[in-house]
Amino acid sequence: MGQVMRRSPAEKREIIHLVQHSALPAGRTLAELDVPRSSFYRWYRQYQQDGQKGLEPQPSRRRQFRNRLPEPVCDQIVQLALAEPEKSARQLAWQFTD
């Protein structure tokens, strides 16, 4: 998988302008510019909705992990594993859940 290239709001606006005013079909223009169609259309939608502000970087959403154990439980599991290093992970899991 290739490296993700971040583009500035000015670059995004320029790409939108180039695609809108190109004599070539949008897909071909995007291929020439080496811009994924999905990225372009996401930028274009955001630009139509919010103008230049829609092209600004959006703060990333904090990922939530539904199966993450609470910190106190993790601490208990680590303590159990340290107390009984001869047991396998499966044996420790059985012991902990019993």
Protein backbone atom coordinates (compact mmCIF):
# COMPACT_ATOMS: atom_id res chain seq x y z
CA MET A 1 0.00 0.00 0.00
CA GLY A 2 1.35 3.45 -0.94
CA GLN A 3 2.15 6.30 1.34
CA VAL A 4 -0.72 8.67 2.09
CA MET A 5 -0.05 12.11 0.66
CA ARG A 6 -1.57 14.98 2.60
CA ARG A 7 -2.52 17.96 0.50
CA SER A 8 -2.96 21.49 1.72
CA PRO A 9 -6.34 23.23 1.38
CA ALA A 10 -4.83 25.41 -1.38
CA GLU A 11 -3.70 22.30 -3.31
CA LYS A 12 -7.12 20.71 -2.95
CA ARG A 13 -8.79 23.90 -4.21
CA GLU A 14 -6.41 24.04 -7.17
CA ILE A 15 -7.12 20.39 -8.04
CA ILE A 16 -10.87 21.06 -7.89
CA HIS A 17 -10.39 24.05 -10.20
CA LEU A 18 -8.27 22.04 -12.64
CA VAL A 19 -10.82 19.21 -12.83
CA GLN A 20 -13.73 21.64 -13.28
CA HIS A 21 -12.01 23.49 -16.12
CA SER A 22 -10.25 20.62 -17.88
CA ALA A 23 -11.23 19.62 -21.39
CA LEU A 24 -10.53 16.01 -20.35
CA PRO A 25 -12.99 13.80 -18.43
CA ALA A 26 -12.65 14.10 -14.63
CA GLY A 27 -11.26 10.58 -14.23
CA ARG A 28 -8.52 11.18 -16.77
CA THR A 29 -7.60 14.55 -15.27
CA LEU A 30 -7.39 12.97 -11.83
CA ALA A 31 -5.22 10.16 -13.20
CA GLU A 32 -2.88 12.75 -14.76
CA LEU A 33 -2.70 14.56 -11.41
CA ASP A 34 -2.24 11.25 -9.54
CA VAL A 35 -5.21 11.99 -7.29
CA PRO A 36 -7.53 9.16 -6.23
CA ARG A 37 -11.10 9.69 -7.40
CA SER A 38 -12.45 8.94 -3.92
CA SER A 39 -10.28 11.68 -2.39
CA PHE A 40 -11.25 14.20 -5.05
CA TYR A 41 -14.97 13.59 -4.69
CA ARG A 42 -14.72 13.76 -0.88
CA TRP A 43 -12.93 17.12 -1.17
CA TYR A 44 -15.41 18.32 -3.78
CA ARG A 45 -18.41 17.40 -1.59
CA GLN A 46 -16.82 19.13 1.42
CA TYR A 47 -16.04 22.19 -0.70
CA GLN A 48 -19.62 22.38 -1.99
CA GLN A 49 -21.01 22.11 1.54
CA ASP A 50 -18.63 24.37 3.46
CA GLY A 51 -16.60 26.31 0.90
CA GLN A 52 -12.88 26.77 1.54
CA LYS A 53 -13.37 25.80 5.21
CA GLY A 54 -14.48 22.33 4.06
CA LEU A 55 -11.00 21.73 2.65
CA GLU A 56 -9.27 22.42 5.98
CA PRO A 57 -7.88 19.39 7.86
CA GLN A 58 -10.46 17.82 10.13
CA PRO A 59 -9.47 16.76 13.65
CA SER A 60 -9.19 13.00 13.80
CA ARG A 61 -11.77 11.19 15.84
CA ARG A 62 -10.47 9.25 18.78
CA ARG A 63 -10.80 5.56 18.08
CA GLN A 64 -12.87 3.58 20.53
CA PHE A 65 -12.15 -0.07 21.14
CA ARG A 66 -15.24 -1.87 22.33
CA ASN A 67 -13.35 -4.92 23.56
CA ARG A 68 -10.67 -3.08 25.54
CA LEU A 69 -10.36 -4.21 29.13
CA PRO A 70 -10.65 -1.63 31.91
CA GLU A 71 -7.29 -0.64 33.45
CA PRO A 72 -7.99 -2.33 36.85
CA VAL A 73 -8.77 -5.63 35.10
CA CYS A 74 -5.56 -5.40 33.05
CA ASP A 75 -3.60 -4.81 36.24
CA GLN A 76 -5.17 -7.89 37.85
CA ILE A 77 -4.32 -10.05 34.83
CA VAL A 78 -0.71 -8.85 34.80
CA GLN A 79 -0.38 -9.55 38.53
CA LEU A 80 -1.78 -13.06 38.05
CA ALA A 81 0.61 -13.72 35.15
CA LEU A 82 3.60 -12.50 37.19
CA ALA A 83 2.56 -14.61 40.17
CA GLU A 84 2.26 -17.78 38.07
CA PRO A 85 4.77 -17.53 35.16
CA GLU A 86 4.69 -21.29 34.52
CA LYS A 87 1.06 -21.16 33.32
CA SER A 88 0.11 -20.58 29.69
CA ALA A 89 -2.08 -17.70 28.60
CA ARG A 90 -4.99 -20.12 28.20
CA GLN A 91 -4.52 -21.51 31.72
CA LEU A 92 -4.34 -17.98 33.13
CA ALA A 93 -7.50 -17.00 31.26
CA TRP A 94 -9.38 -19.98 32.67
CA GLN A 95 -8.13 -19.25 36.17
CA PHE A 96 -8.99 -15.56 35.91
CA THR A 97 -12.53 -16.12 34.63
CA ASP A 98 -13.37 -18.82 37.19
